[in-house]
Structures are given as structure tokens and as C-alpha cells.
PDB file of N, CA and C in Angstrom:
ATOM      1  N   MET A   1      19.008   2.819  -1.102  1.00  0.00           N
ATOM      2  CA  MET A   1      18.242   1.609  -0.998  1.00  0.00           C
ATOM      3  C   MET A   1      19.168   0.402  -1.107  1.00  0.00           C
ATOM      4  N   THR A   2      18.845  -0.603  -0.337  1.00  0.00           N
ATOM      5  CA  THR A   2      19.637  -1.828  -0.367  1.00  0.00           C
ATOM      6  C   THR A   2      18.759  -2.983  -0.855  1.00  0.00           C
ATOM      7  N   PHE A   3      19.361  -3.906  -1.575  1.00  0.00           N
ATOM      8  CA  PHE A   3      18.603  -4.979  -2.210  1.00  0.00           C
ATOM      9  C   PHE A   3      19.176  -6.338  -1.864  1.00  0.00           C
ATOM     10  N   LEU A   4      18.305  -7.344  -1.933  1.00  0.00           N
ATOM     11  CA  LEU A   4      18.675  -8.741  -1.766  1.00  0.00           C
ATOM     12  C   LEU A   4      18.106  -9.493  -2.960  1.00  0.00           C
ATOM     13  N   ALA A   5      18.982  -9.958  -3.839  1.00  0.00           N
ATOM     14  CA  ALA A   5      18.555 -10.695  -5.023  1.00  0.00           C
ATOM     15  C   ALA A   5      18.314 -12.149  -4.643  1.00  0.00           C
ATOM     16  N   ASP A   6      17.118 -12.621  -4.916  1.00  0.00           N
ATOM     17  CA  ASP A   6      16.777 -14.011  -4.665  1.00  0.00           C
ATOM     18  C   ASP A   6      17.623 -14.893  -5.598  1.00  0.00           C
ATOM     19  N   GLU A   7      17.662 -16.167  -5.281  1.00  0.00           N
ATOM     20  CA  GLU A   7      18.492 -17.101  -6.040  1.00  0.00           C
ATOM     21  C   GLU A   7      18.118 -17.136  -7.521  1.00  0.00           C
ATOM     22  N   ASN A   8      16.861 -16.863  -7.854  1.00  0.00           N
ATOM     23  CA  ASN A   8      16.425 -16.910  -9.242  1.00  0.00           C
ATOM     24  C   ASN A   8      16.631 -15.600 -10.003  1.00  0.00           C
ATOM     25  N   PHE A   9      17.138 -14.575  -9.338  1.00  0.00           N
ATOM     26  CA  PHE A   9      17.405 -13.297  -9.997  1.00  0.00           C
ATOM     27  C   PHE A   9      18.660 -13.454 -10.843  1.00  0.00           C
ATOM     28  N   PRO A  10      18.615 -13.069 -12.118  1.00  0.00           N
ATOM     29  CA  PRO A  10      19.764 -13.304 -13.006  1.00  0.00           C
ATOM     30  C   PRO A  10      21.061 -12.680 -12.493  1.00  0.00           C
ATOM     31  N   VAL A  11      22.109 -13.465 -12.515  1.00  0.00           N
ATOM     32  CA  VAL A  11      23.425 -12.994 -12.061  1.00  0.00           C
ATOM     33  C   VAL A  11      23.894 -11.823 -12.924  1.00  0.00           C
ATOM     34  N   THR A  12      23.575 -11.850 -14.201  1.00  0.00           N
ATOM     35  CA  THR A  12      23.947 -10.738 -15.086  1.00  0.00           C
ATOM     36  C   THR A  12      23.337  -9.434 -14.592  1.00  0.00           C
ATOM     37  N   ALA A  13      22.054  -9.454 -14.247  1.00  0.00           N
ATOM     38  CA  ALA A  13      21.385  -8.251 -13.740  1.00  0.00           C
ATOM     39  C   ALA A  13      21.970  -7.838 -12.392  1.00  0.00           C
ATOM     40  N   PHE A  14      22.238  -8.816 -11.533  1.00  0.00           N
ATOM     41  CA  PHE A  14      22.867  -8.539 -10.244  1.00  0.00           C
ATOM     42  C   PHE A  14      24.190  -7.804 -10.436  1.00  0.00           C
ATOM     43  N   ARG A  15      25.019  -8.320 -11.320  1.00  0.00           N
ATOM     44  CA  ARG A  15      26.338  -7.696 -11.553  1.00  0.00           C
ATOM     45  C   ARG A  15      26.210  -6.286 -12.120  1.00  0.00           C
ATOM     46  N   LEU A  16      25.252  -6.077 -13.009  1.00  0.00           N
ATOM     47  CA  LEU A  16      25.038  -4.726 -13.548  1.00  0.00           C
ATOM     48  C   LEU A  16      24.651  -3.745 -12.443  1.00  0.00           C
ATOM     49  N   LEU A  17      23.775  -4.173 -11.545  1.00  0.00           N
ATOM     50  CA  LEU A  17      23.384  -3.300 -10.437  1.00  0.00           C
ATOM     51  C   LEU A  17      24.557  -3.056  -9.493  1.00  0.00           C
ATOM     52  N   LEU A  18      25.317  -4.092  -9.204  1.00  0.00           N
ATOM     53  CA  LEU A  18      26.489  -3.966  -8.343  1.00  0.00           C
ATOM     54  C   LEU A  18      27.501  -2.993  -8.947  1.00  0.00           C
ATOM     55  N   GLU A  19      27.769  -3.140 -10.238  1.00  0.00           N
ATOM     56  CA  GLU A  19      28.719  -2.262 -10.932  1.00  0.00           C
ATOM     57  C   GLU A  19      28.215  -0.828 -11.044  1.00  0.00           C
ATOM     58  N   SER A  20      26.884  -0.647 -10.949  1.00  0.00           N
ATOM     59  CA  SER A  20      26.302   0.696 -10.996  1.00  0.00           C
ATOM     60  C   SER A  20      26.293   1.363  -9.626  1.00  0.00           C
ATOM     61  N   GLY A  21      26.819   0.663  -8.611  1.00  0.00           N
ATOM     62  CA  GLY A  21      26.926   1.256  -7.282  1.00  0.00           C
ATOM     63  C   GLY A  21      25.822   0.877  -6.315  1.00  0.00           C
ATOM     64  N   PHE A  22      24.943  -0.030  -6.694  1.00  0.00           N
ATOM     65  CA  PHE A  22      23.874  -0.445  -5.788  1.00  0.00           C
ATOM     66  C   PHE A  22      24.429  -1.316  -4.668  1.00  0.00           C
ATOM     67  N   ASP A  23      23.844  -1.177  -3.497  1.00  0.00           N
ATOM     68  CA  ASP A  23      24.150  -2.045  -2.355  1.00  0.00           C
ATOM     69  C   ASP A  23      23.249  -3.259  -2.508  1.00  0.00           C
ATOM     70  N   ILE A  24      23.802  -4.343  -3.021  1.00  0.00           N
ATOM     71  CA  ILE A  24      23.008  -5.524  -3.335  1.00  0.00           C
ATOM     72  C   ILE A  24      23.787  -6.781  -3.008  1.00  0.00           C
ATOM     73  N   LYS A  25      23.066  -7.760  -2.464  1.00  0.00           N
ATOM     74  CA  LYS A  25      23.614  -9.096  -2.202  1.00  0.00           C
ATOM     75  C   LYS A  25      22.818 -10.095  -3.028  1.00  0.00           C
ATOM     76  N   HIS A  26      23.451 -11.226  -3.356  1.00  0.00           N
ATOM     77  CA  HIS A  26      22.766 -12.273  -4.112  1.00  0.00           C
ATOM     78  C   HIS A  26      22.774 -13.561  -3.295  1.00  0.00           C
ATOM     79  N   ILE A  27      21.600 -14.127  -3.090  1.00  0.00           N
ATOM     80  CA  ILE A  27      21.461 -15.357  -2.300  1.00  0.00           C
ATOM     81  C   ILE A  27      22.322 -16.479  -2.864  1.00  0.00           C
ATOM     82  N   ALA A  28      22.421 -16.585  -4.185  1.00  0.00           N
ATOM     83  CA  ALA A  28      23.188 -17.679  -4.807  1.00  0.00           C
ATOM     84  C   ALA A  28      24.652 -17.662  -4.391  1.00  0.00           C
ATOM     85  N   PHE A  29      25.178 -16.496  -4.084  1.00  0.00           N
ATOM     86  CA  PHE A  29      26.581 -16.393  -3.679  1.00  0.00           C
ATOM     87  C   PHE A  29      26.750 -16.497  -2.167  1.00  0.00           C
ATOM     88  N   ASP A  30      25.814 -15.907  -1.435  1.00  0.00           N
ATOM     89  CA  ASP A  30      25.948 -15.808   0.013  1.00  0.00           C
ATOM     90  C   ASP A  30      25.348 -16.990   0.772  1.00  0.00           C
ATOM     91  N   MET A  31      24.201 -17.493   0.322  1.00  0.00           N
ATOM     92  CA  MET A  31      23.500 -18.574   1.033  1.00  0.00           C
ATOM     93  C   MET A  31      22.651 -19.372   0.061  1.00  0.00           C
ATOM     94  N   PRO A  32      23.245 -20.099  -0.858  1.00  0.00           N
ATOM     95  CA  PRO A  32      22.445 -20.825  -1.847  1.00  0.00           C
ATOM     96  C   PRO A  32      21.496 -21.834  -1.203  1.00  0.00           C
ATOM     97  N   SER A  33      20.359 -21.985  -1.831  1.00  0.00           N
ATOM     98  CA  SER A  33      19.352 -22.996  -1.479  1.00  0.00           C
ATOM     99  C   SER A  33      18.636 -22.767  -0.154  1.00  0.00           C
ATOM    100  N   ILE A  34      18.657 -21.551   0.384  1.00  0.00           N
ATOM    101  CA  ILE A  34      17.867 -21.312   1.595  1.00  0.00           C
ATOM    102  C   ILE A  34      16.405 -21.115   1.192  1.00  0.00           C
ATOM    103  N   THR A  35      15.506 -21.277   2.135  1.00  0.00           N
ATOM    104  CA  THR A  35      14.071 -21.186   1.868  1.00  0.00           C
ATOM    105  C   THR A  35      13.641 -19.728   1.669  1.00  0.00           C
ATOM    106  N   ASP A  36      12.442 -19.566   1.110  1.00  0.00           N
ATOM    107  CA  ASP A  36      11.884 -18.220   0.947  1.00  0.00           C
ATOM    108  C   ASP A  36      11.694 -17.538   2.298  1.00  0.00           C
ATOM    109  N   VAL A  37      11.319 -18.298   3.308  1.00  0.00           N
ATOM    110  CA  VAL A  37      11.175 -17.729   4.657  1.00  0.00           C
ATOM    111  C   VAL A  37      12.528 -17.221   5.141  1.00  0.00           C
ATOM    112  N   ASP A  38      13.591 -17.995   4.929  1.00  0.00           N
ATOM    113  CA  ASP A  38      14.927 -17.563   5.340  1.00  0.00           C
ATOM    114  C   ASP A  38      15.374 -16.319   4.577  1.00  0.00           C
ATOM    115  N   VAL A  39      15.057 -16.266   3.283  1.00  0.00           N
ATOM    116  CA  VAL A  39      15.385 -15.083   2.478  1.00  0.00           C
ATOM    117  C   VAL A  39      14.656 -13.869   3.048  1.00  0.00           C
ATOM    118  N   THR A  40      13.384 -14.048   3.351  1.00  0.00           N
ATOM    119  CA  THR A  40      12.578 -12.952   3.897  1.00  0.00           C
ATOM    120  C   THR A  40      13.123 -12.491   5.245  1.00  0.00           C
ATOM    121  N   GLU A  41      13.459 -13.426   6.102  1.00  0.00           N
ATOM    122  CA  GLU A  41      14.003 -13.060   7.416  1.00  0.00           C
ATOM    123  C   GLU A  41      15.345 -12.343   7.281  1.00  0.00           C
ATOM    124  N   LEU A  42      16.177 -12.772   6.335  1.00  0.00           N
ATOM    125  CA  LEU A  42      17.454 -12.079   6.096  1.00  0.00           C
ATOM    126  C   LEU A  42      17.195 -10.665   5.584  1.00  0.00           C
ATOM    127  N   ALA A  43      16.242 -10.519   4.659  1.00  0.00           N
ATOM    128  CA  ALA A  43      15.899  -9.192   4.131  1.00  0.00           C
ATOM    129  C   ALA A  43      15.398  -8.276   5.241  1.00  0.00           C
ATOM    130  N   ILE A  44      14.603  -8.828   6.151  1.00  0.00           N
ATOM    131  CA  ILE A  44      14.096  -8.033   7.277  1.00  0.00           C
ATOM    132  C   ILE A  44      15.256  -7.631   8.189  1.00  0.00           C
ATOM    133  N   LYS A  45      16.101  -8.592   8.510  1.00  0.00           N
ATOM    134  CA  LYS A  45      17.233  -8.334   9.403  1.00  0.00           C
ATOM    135  C   LYS A  45      18.173  -7.268   8.835  1.00  0.00           C
ATOM    136  N   GLU A  46      18.429  -7.335   7.524  1.00  0.00           N
ATOM    137  CA  GLU A  46      19.380  -6.417   6.893  1.00  0.00           C
ATOM    138  C   GLU A  46      18.705  -5.217   6.229  1.00  0.00           C
ATOM    139  N   ASN A  47      17.391  -5.113   6.375  1.00  0.00           N
ATOM    140  CA  ASN A  47      16.646  -3.980   5.814  1.00  0.00           C
ATOM    141  C   ASN A  47      16.871  -3.849   4.310  1.00  0.00           C
ATOM    142  N   ARG A  48      16.612  -4.946   3.583  1.00  0.00           N
ATOM    143  CA  ARG A  48      16.826  -4.986   2.144  1.00  0.00           C
ATOM    144  C   ARG A  48      15.526  -5.272   1.409  1.00  0.00           C
ATOM    145  N   ILE A  49      15.410  -4.742   0.212  1.00  0.00           N
ATOM    146  CA  ILE A  49      14.287  -5.009  -0.680  1.00  0.00           C
ATOM    147  C   ILE A  49      14.615  -6.267  -1.476  1.00  0.00           C
ATOM    148  N   ILE A  50      13.698  -7.211  -1.494  1.00  0.00           N
ATOM    149  CA  ILE A  50      13.903  -8.475  -2.200  1.00  0.00           C
ATOM    150  C   ILE A  50      13.601  -8.295  -3.687  1.00  0.00           C
ATOM    151  N   LEU A  51      14.514  -8.759  -4.529  1.00  0.00           N
ATOM    152  CA  LEU A  51      14.313  -8.802  -5.980  1.00  0.00           C
ATOM    153  C   LEU A  51      14.147 -10.265  -6.353  1.00  0.00           C
ATOM    154  N   THR A  52      13.027 -10.631  -6.976  1.00  0.00           N
ATOM    155  CA  THR A  52      12.741 -12.044  -7.190  1.00  0.00           C
ATOM    156  C   THR A  52      11.879 -12.296  -8.416  1.00  0.00           C
ATOM    157  N   PHE A  53      11.942 -13.529  -8.886  1.00  0.00           N
ATOM    158  CA  PHE A  53      11.043 -14.027  -9.919  1.00  0.00           C
ATOM    159  C   PHE A  53      10.073 -15.042  -9.304  1.00  0.00           C
ATOM    160  N   ASP A  54       9.976 -15.067  -7.997  1.00  0.00           N
ATOM    161  CA  ASP A  54       9.189 -16.046  -7.246  1.00  0.00           C
ATOM    162  C   ASP A  54       7.979 -15.362  -6.613  1.00  0.00           C
ATOM    163  N   GLY A  55       6.788 -15.814  -6.979  1.00  0.00           N
ATOM    164  CA  GLY A  55       5.565 -15.210  -6.474  1.00  0.00           C
ATOM    165  C   GLY A  55       5.211 -15.570  -5.046  1.00  0.00           C
ATOM    166  N   ASP A  56       5.960 -16.477  -4.416  1.00  0.00           N
ATOM    167  CA  ASP A  56       5.641 -16.909  -3.056  1.00  0.00           C
ATOM    168  C   ASP A  56       5.810 -15.809  -2.009  1.00  0.00           C
ATOM    169  N   TYR A  57       6.552 -14.773  -2.312  1.00  0.00           N
ATOM    170  CA  TYR A  57       6.769 -13.718  -1.316  1.00  0.00           C
ATOM    171  C   TYR A  57       5.483 -12.955  -1.018  1.00  0.00           C
ATOM    172  N   GLY A  58       4.603 -12.831  -1.999  1.00  0.00           N
ATOM    173  CA  GLY A  58       3.305 -12.204  -1.746  1.00  0.00           C
ATOM    174  C   GLY A  58       2.510 -12.980  -0.710  1.00  0.00           C
ATOM    175  N   THR A  59       2.565 -14.305  -0.796  1.00  0.00           N
ATOM    176  CA  THR A  59       1.883 -15.149   0.189  1.00  0.00           C
ATOM    177  C   THR A  59       2.492 -14.961   1.573  1.00  0.00           C
ATOM    178  N   LEU A  60       3.812 -14.929   1.639  1.00  0.00           N
ATOM    179  CA  LEU A  60       4.473 -14.736   2.935  1.00  0.00           C
ATOM    180  C   LEU A  60       4.083 -13.398   3.569  1.00  0.00           C
ATOM    181  N   ILE A  61       3.939 -12.384   2.732  1.00  0.00           N
ATOM    182  CA  ILE A  61       3.600 -11.055   3.238  1.00  0.00           C
ATOM    183  C   ILE A  61       2.118 -10.956   3.596  1.00  0.00           C
ATOM    184  N   PHE A  62       1.256 -11.251   2.644  1.00  0.00           N
ATOM    185  CA  PHE A  62      -0.166 -10.955   2.810  1.00  0.00           C
ATOM    186  C   PHE A  62      -0.952 -12.049   3.520  1.00  0.00           C
ATOM    187  N   LYS A  63      -0.417 -13.257   3.578  1.00  0.00           N
ATOM    188  CA  LYS A  63      -1.114 -14.328   4.293  1.00  0.00           C
ATOM    189  C   LYS A  63      -0.472 -14.625   5.646  1.00  0.00           C
ATOM    190  N   PHE A  64       0.863 -14.594   5.688  1.00  0.00           N
ATOM    191  CA  PHE A  64       1.554 -14.997   6.918  1.00  0.00           C
ATOM    192  C   PHE A  64       2.163 -13.838   7.707  1.00  0.00           C
ATOM    193  N   GLY A  65       2.038 -12.609   7.209  1.00  0.00           N
ATOM    194  CA  GLY A  65       2.409 -11.442   7.996  1.00  0.00           C
ATOM    195  C   GLY A  65       3.869 -11.036   8.016  1.00  0.00           C
ATOM    196  N   TYR A  66       4.688 -11.587   7.158  1.00  0.00           N
ATOM    197  CA  TYR A  66       6.091 -11.148   7.093  1.00  0.00           C
ATOM    198  C   TYR A  66       6.137  -9.723   6.560  1.00  0.00           C
ATOM    199  N   ARG A  67       7.093  -8.949   7.040  1.00  0.00           N
ATOM    200  CA  ARG A  67       7.181  -7.536   6.671  1.00  0.00           C
ATOM    201  C   ARG A  67       8.591  -7.149   6.218  1.00  0.00           C
ATOM    202  N   PRO A  68       9.017  -7.607   5.039  1.00  0.00           N
ATOM    203  CA  PRO A  68      10.303  -7.134   4.544  1.00  0.00           C
ATOM    204  C   PRO A  68      10.186  -5.665   4.145  1.00  0.00           C
ATOM    205  N   LEU A  69      11.308  -5.033   3.924  1.00  0.00           N
ATOM    206  CA  LEU A  69      11.328  -3.629   3.528  1.00  0.00           C
ATOM    207  C   LEU A  69      10.534  -3.420   2.242  1.00  0.00           C
ATOM    208  N   GLY A  70      10.585  -4.392   1.353  1.00  0.00           N
ATOM    209  CA  GLY A  70       9.855  -4.327   0.095  1.00  0.00           C
ATOM    210  C   GLY A  70      10.187  -5.551  -0.742  1.00  0.00           C
ATOM    211  N   VAL A  71       9.384  -5.783  -1.771  1.00  0.00           N
ATOM    212  CA  VAL A  71       9.616  -6.871  -2.710  1.00  0.00           C
ATOM    213  C   VAL A  71       9.348  -6.344  -4.112  1.00  0.00           C
ATOM    214  N   VAL A  72      10.252  -6.650  -5.028  1.00  0.00           N
ATOM    215  CA  VAL A  72       9.998  -6.411  -6.444  1.00  0.00           C
ATOM    216  C   VAL A  72       9.947  -7.791  -7.083  1.00  0.00           C
ATOM    217  N   TYR A  73       8.744  -8.155  -7.521  1.00  0.00           N
ATOM    218  CA  TYR A  73       8.494  -9.464  -8.109  1.00  0.00           C
ATOM    219  C   TYR A  73       8.409  -9.292  -9.626  1.00  0.00           C
ATOM    220  N   PHE A  74       9.367  -9.881 -10.320  1.00  0.00           N
ATOM    221  CA  PHE A  74       9.417  -9.818 -11.776  1.00  0.00           C
ATOM    222  C   PHE A  74       8.606 -10.980 -12.344  1.00  0.00           C
ATOM    223  N   ARG A  75       7.509 -10.646 -12.963  1.00  0.00           N
ATOM    224  CA  ARG A  75       6.634 -11.645 -13.583  1.00  0.00           C
ATOM    225  C   ARG A  75       6.684 -11.415 -15.086  1.00  0.00           C
ATOM    226  N   LEU A  76       7.851 -11.685 -15.630  1.00  0.00           N
ATOM    227  CA  LEU A  76       8.155 -11.326 -17.014  1.00  0.00           C
ATOM    228  C   LEU A  76       8.400 -12.554 -17.873  1.00  0.00           C
ATOM    229  N   GLN A  77       8.135 -12.405 -19.150  1.00  0.00           N
ATOM    230  CA  GLN A  77       8.400 -13.474 -20.105  1.00  0.00           C
ATOM    231  C   GLN A  77       9.277 -12.931 -21.227  1.00  0.00           C
ATOM    232  N   ASN A  78      10.123 -13.803 -21.751  1.00  0.00           N
ATOM    233  CA  ASN A  78      10.955 -13.481 -22.920  1.00  0.00           C
ATOM    234  C   ASN A  78      11.799 -12.226 -22.731  1.00  0.00           C
ATOM    235  N   ILE A  79      12.600 -12.227 -21.686  1.00  0.00           N
ATOM    236  CA  ILE A  79      13.492 -11.099 -21.434  1.00  0.00           C
ATOM    237  C   ILE A  79      14.931 -11.600 -21.392  1.00  0.00           C
ATOM    238  N   THR A  80      15.864 -10.674 -21.515  1.00  0.00           N
ATOM    239  CA  THR A  80      17.273 -11.024 -21.391  1.00  0.00           C
ATOM    240  C   THR A  80      17.659 -11.033 -19.924  1.00  0.00           C
ATOM    241  N   ALA A  81      18.802 -11.616 -19.626  1.00  0.00           N
ATOM    242  CA  ALA A  81      19.281 -11.683 -18.241  1.00  0.00           C
ATOM    243  C   ALA A  81      19.642 -10.312 -17.686  1.00  0.00           C
ATOM    244  N   ALA A  82      19.872  -9.346 -18.538  1.00  0.00           N
ATOM    245  CA  ALA A  82      20.241  -8.001 -18.078  1.00  0.00           C
ATOM    246  C   ALA A  82      19.029  -7.113 -17.803  1.00  0.00           C
ATOM    247  N   GLU A  83      17.912  -7.399 -18.421  1.00  0.00           N
ATOM    248  CA  GLU A  83      16.752  -6.500 -18.337  1.00  0.00           C
ATOM    249  C   GLU A  83      16.266  -6.185 -16.927  1.00  0.00           C
ATOM    250  N   PRO A  84      16.257  -7.141 -15.988  1.00  0.00           N
ATOM    251  CA  PRO A  84      15.806  -6.772 -14.636  1.00  0.00           C
ATOM    252  C   PRO A  84      16.623  -5.631 -14.017  1.00  0.00           C
ATOM    253  N   ALA A  85      17.892  -5.544 -14.326  1.00  0.00           N
ATOM    254  CA  ALA A  85      18.714  -4.444 -13.798  1.00  0.00           C
ATOM    255  C   ALA A  85      18.229  -3.111 -14.351  1.00  0.00           C
ATOM    256  N   TYR A  86      17.945  -3.064 -15.642  1.00  0.00           N
ATOM    257  CA  TYR A  86      17.449  -1.827 -16.246  1.00  0.00           C
ATOM    258  C   TYR A  86      16.083  -1.459 -15.685  1.00  0.00           C
ATOM    259  N   ILE A  87      15.273  -2.454 -15.414  1.00  0.00           N
ATOM    260  CA  ILE A  87      13.946  -2.201 -14.849  1.00  0.00           C
ATOM    261  C   ILE A  87      14.061  -1.607 -13.443  1.00  0.00           C
ATOM    262  N   VAL A  88      14.937  -2.166 -12.606  1.00  0.00           N
ATOM    263  CA  VAL A  88      15.129  -1.617 -11.256  1.00  0.00           C
ATOM    264  C   VAL A  88      15.582  -0.165 -11.337  1.00  0.00           C
ATOM    265  N   ARG A  89      16.549   0.103 -12.193  1.00  0.00           N
ATOM    266  CA  ARG A  89      17.036   1.486 -12.340  1.00  0.00           C
ATOM    267  C   ARG A  89      15.920   2.407 -12.822  1.00  0.00           C
ATOM    268  N   ASN A  90      15.103   1.941 -13.771  1.00  0.00           N
ATOM    269  CA  ASN A  90      14.009   2.771 -14.280  1.00  0.00           C
ATOM    270  C   ASN A  90      12.924   2.993 -13.240  1.00  0.00           C
ATOM    271  N   LEU A  91      12.628   1.978 -12.437  1.00  0.00           N
ATOM    272  CA  LEU A  91      11.640   2.158 -11.368  1.00  0.00           C
ATOM    273  C   LEU A  91      12.070   3.288 -10.437  1.00  0.00           C
ATOM    274  N   MET A  92      13.333   3.288 -10.084  1.00  0.00           N
ATOM    275  CA  MET A  92      13.845   4.324  -9.183  1.00  0.00           C
ATOM    276  C   MET A  92      13.866   5.677  -9.877  1.00  0.00           C
ATOM    277  N   LYS A  93      14.293   5.690 -11.125  1.00  0.00           N
ATOM    278  CA  LYS A  93      14.368   6.943 -11.881  1.00  0.00           C
ATOM    279  C   LYS A  93      12.981   7.562 -12.061  1.00  0.00           C
ATOM    280  N   GLU A  94      11.982   6.703 -12.272  1.00  0.00           N
ATOM    281  CA  GLU A  94      10.620   7.190 -12.494  1.00  0.00           C
ATOM    282  C   GLU A  94       9.879   7.501 -11.197  1.00  0.00           C
ATOM    283  N   GLY A  95      10.539   7.308 -10.066  1.00  0.00           N
ATOM    284  CA  GLY A  95       9.957   7.709  -8.788  1.00  0.00           C
ATOM    285  C   GLY A  95       9.040   6.696  -8.133  1.00  0.00           C
ATOM    286  N   TYR A  96       9.097   5.451  -8.559  1.00  0.00           N
ATOM    287  CA  TYR A  96       8.287   4.435  -7.883  1.00  0.00           C
ATOM    288  C   TYR A  96       8.801   4.252  -6.465  1.00  0.00           C
ATOM    289  N   GLU A  97       7.890   4.199  -5.518  1.00  0.00           N
ATOM    290  CA  GLU A  97       8.242   3.925  -4.136  1.00  0.00           C
ATOM    291  C   GLU A  97       8.360   2.421  -3.985  1.00  0.00           C
ATOM    292  N   LEU A  98       9.527   1.944  -3.582  1.00  0.00           N
ATOM    293  CA  LEU A  98       9.747   0.515  -3.415  1.00  0.00           C
ATOM    294  C   LEU A  98       9.723   0.092  -1.951  1.00  0.00           C
ATOM    295  N   VAL A  99       9.926   1.040  -1.056  1.00  0.00           N
ATOM    296  CA  VAL A  99       9.918   0.749   0.373  1.00  0.00           C
ATOM    297  C   VAL A  99       8.480   0.558   0.835  1.00  0.00           C
ATOM    298  N   ASN A 100       8.262  -0.499   1.612  1.00  0.00           N
ATOM    299  CA  ASN A 100       6.938  -0.867   2.125  1.00  0.00           C
ATOM    300  C   ASN A 100       5.945  -1.200   1.013  1.00  0.00           C
ATOM    301  N   MET A 101       6.475  -1.636  -0.128  1.00  0.00           N
ATOM    302  CA  MET A 101       5.612  -1.977  -1.255  1.00  0.00           C
ATOM    303  C   MET A 101       5.949  -3.361  -1.802  1.00  0.00           C
ATOM    304  N   HIS A 102       4.921  -4.070  -2.221  1.00  0.00           N
ATOM    305  CA  HIS A 102       5.070  -5.306  -2.987  1.00  0.00           C
ATOM    306  C   HIS A 102       4.791  -4.890  -4.425  1.00  0.00           C
ATOM    307  N   THR A 103       5.851  -4.831  -5.228  1.00  0.00           N
ATOM    308  CA  THR A 103       5.768  -4.347  -6.596  1.00  0.00           C
ATOM    309  C   THR A 103       5.823  -5.534  -7.541  1.00  0.00           C
ATOM    310  N   VAL A 104       4.846  -5.619  -8.436  1.00  0.00           N
ATOM    311  CA  VAL A 104       4.812  -6.689  -9.430  1.00  0.00           C
ATOM    312  C   VAL A 104       5.068  -6.064 -10.790  1.00  0.00           C
ATOM    313  N   VAL A 105       6.151  -6.494 -11.428  1.00  0.00           N
ATOM    314  CA  VAL A 105       6.532  -5.976 -12.732  1.00  0.00           C
ATOM    315  C   VAL A 105       6.174  -7.024 -13.779  1.00  0.00           C
ATOM    316  N   GLU A 106       5.256  -6.670 -14.661  1.00  0.00           N
ATOM    317  CA  GLU A 106       4.871  -7.545 -15.754  1.00  0.00           C
ATOM    318  C   GLU A 106       5.317  -6.903 -17.064  1.00  0.00           C
ATOM    319  N   ASN A 107       5.237  -7.645 -18.151  1.00  0.00           N
ATOM    320  CA  ASN A 107       5.686  -7.119 -19.435  1.00  0.00           C
ATOM    321  C   ASN A 107       4.943  -5.848 -19.840  1.00  0.00           C
ATOM    322  N   ASP A 108       3.669  -5.743 -19.477  1.00  0.00           N
ATOM    323  CA  ASP A 108       2.870  -4.618 -19.939  1.00  0.00           C
ATOM    324  C   ASP A 108       2.373  -3.676 -18.840  1.00  0.00           C
ATOM    325  N   LYS A 109       2.717  -3.975 -17.568  1.00  0.00           N
ATOM    326  CA  LYS A 109       2.248  -3.093 -16.494  1.00  0.00           C
ATOM    327  C   LYS A 109       3.038  -3.324 -15.213  1.00  0.00           C
ATOM    328  N   ILE A 110       2.874  -2.373 -14.306  1.00  0.00           N
ATOM    329  CA  ILE A 110       3.481  -2.455 -12.975  1.00  0.00           C
ATOM    330  C   ILE A 110       2.354  -2.235 -11.969  1.00  0.00           C
ATOM    331  N   ARG A 111       2.257  -3.161 -11.003  1.00  0.00           N
ATOM    332  CA  ARG A 111       1.241  -3.041  -9.956  1.00  0.00           C
ATOM    333  C   ARG A 111       1.947  -2.972  -8.613  1.00  0.00           C
ATOM    334  N   GLN A 112       1.364  -2.229  -7.698  1.00  0.00           N
ATOM    335  CA  GLN A 112       1.944  -2.125  -6.356  1.00  0.00           C
ATOM    336  C   GLN A 112       0.861  -2.264  -5.301  1.00  0.00           C
ATOM    337  N   ARG A 113       1.253  -2.887  -4.207  1.00  0.00           N
ATOM    338  CA  ARG A 113       0.374  -3.027  -3.046  1.00  0.00           C
ATOM    339  C   ARG A 113       1.210  -2.740  -1.804  1.00  0.00           C
ATOM    340  N   ARG A 114       0.672  -1.923  -0.938  1.00  0.00           N
ATOM    341  CA  ARG A 114       1.387  -1.529   0.275  1.00  0.00           C
ATOM    342  C   ARG A 114       1.535  -2.714   1.227  1.00  0.00           C
ATOM    343  N   ILE A 115       2.716  -2.857   1.805  1.00  0.00           N
ATOM    344  CA  ILE A 115       2.981  -3.842   2.840  1.00  0.00           C
ATOM    345  C   ILE A 115       2.687  -3.146   4.160  1.00  0.00           C
ATOM    346  N   GLN A 116       1.675  -3.607   4.885  1.00  0.00           N
ATOM    347  CA  GLN A 116       1.281  -2.918   6.126  1.00  0.00           C
ATOM    348  C   GLN A 116       1.599  -3.736   7.327  1.00  0.00           C
TER     349      GLN A 116
END
């Protein structure tokens, strides 16, 4: 699986995933300040799952018809900068399907909706 970390995804978590062997790019390093639409189009072009703390991607998918490979939306409070990396690894370890899914990770639950 390949990932695209949105600009708001913690650099600490990005580096942990990169060091763990994940194929991941970070918008802040490659294309800072691009729009959510541009991030989505890049994710589609490169077949990457978006990792983000921005809820606007659900609107782009379910209202405007964009079809990225997947989105993991972290809707978390009071976490460390490293925790999103551990969450991504645990999602994969626990067998969550991230491809063609809009995954919302909250402090107390995980919800998924298919991207059709």
C-alpha cells in the first residue's frame, strides 16, 4: 500500500512510517500549500491512500465524486505526534481494508464507508 500524508499529518508519524518501510510521501515536503482538490488528484494519479486530519475529503468523495484509492481521516483529540503512525500500522495488522474506503479514526471507534 502506498500513502500520501496531507500537510496536517504529523511529520513525526510520517517519519516513523517511512522508517518502517512504508511507501509514503508528505505534501509538506513535496508540494506545500496545495488545495485539497490538488491533494486528491495527486493521490488518484499516484494511486495513494490519503492520510489526513482534514474532514473535507469526505465532501470531495461523497458530494463531488472524487475517487482516491482511500482516505484515512484522523478525528482524534489529545494524541502525540507519533500516534497516527501506530494507528496506521495497527489498522493494517488488524486487517482493516483501506483500499476503496473512507476510514474515520476517532478516539473511541473506527468507522468505514465504501468509496464507490
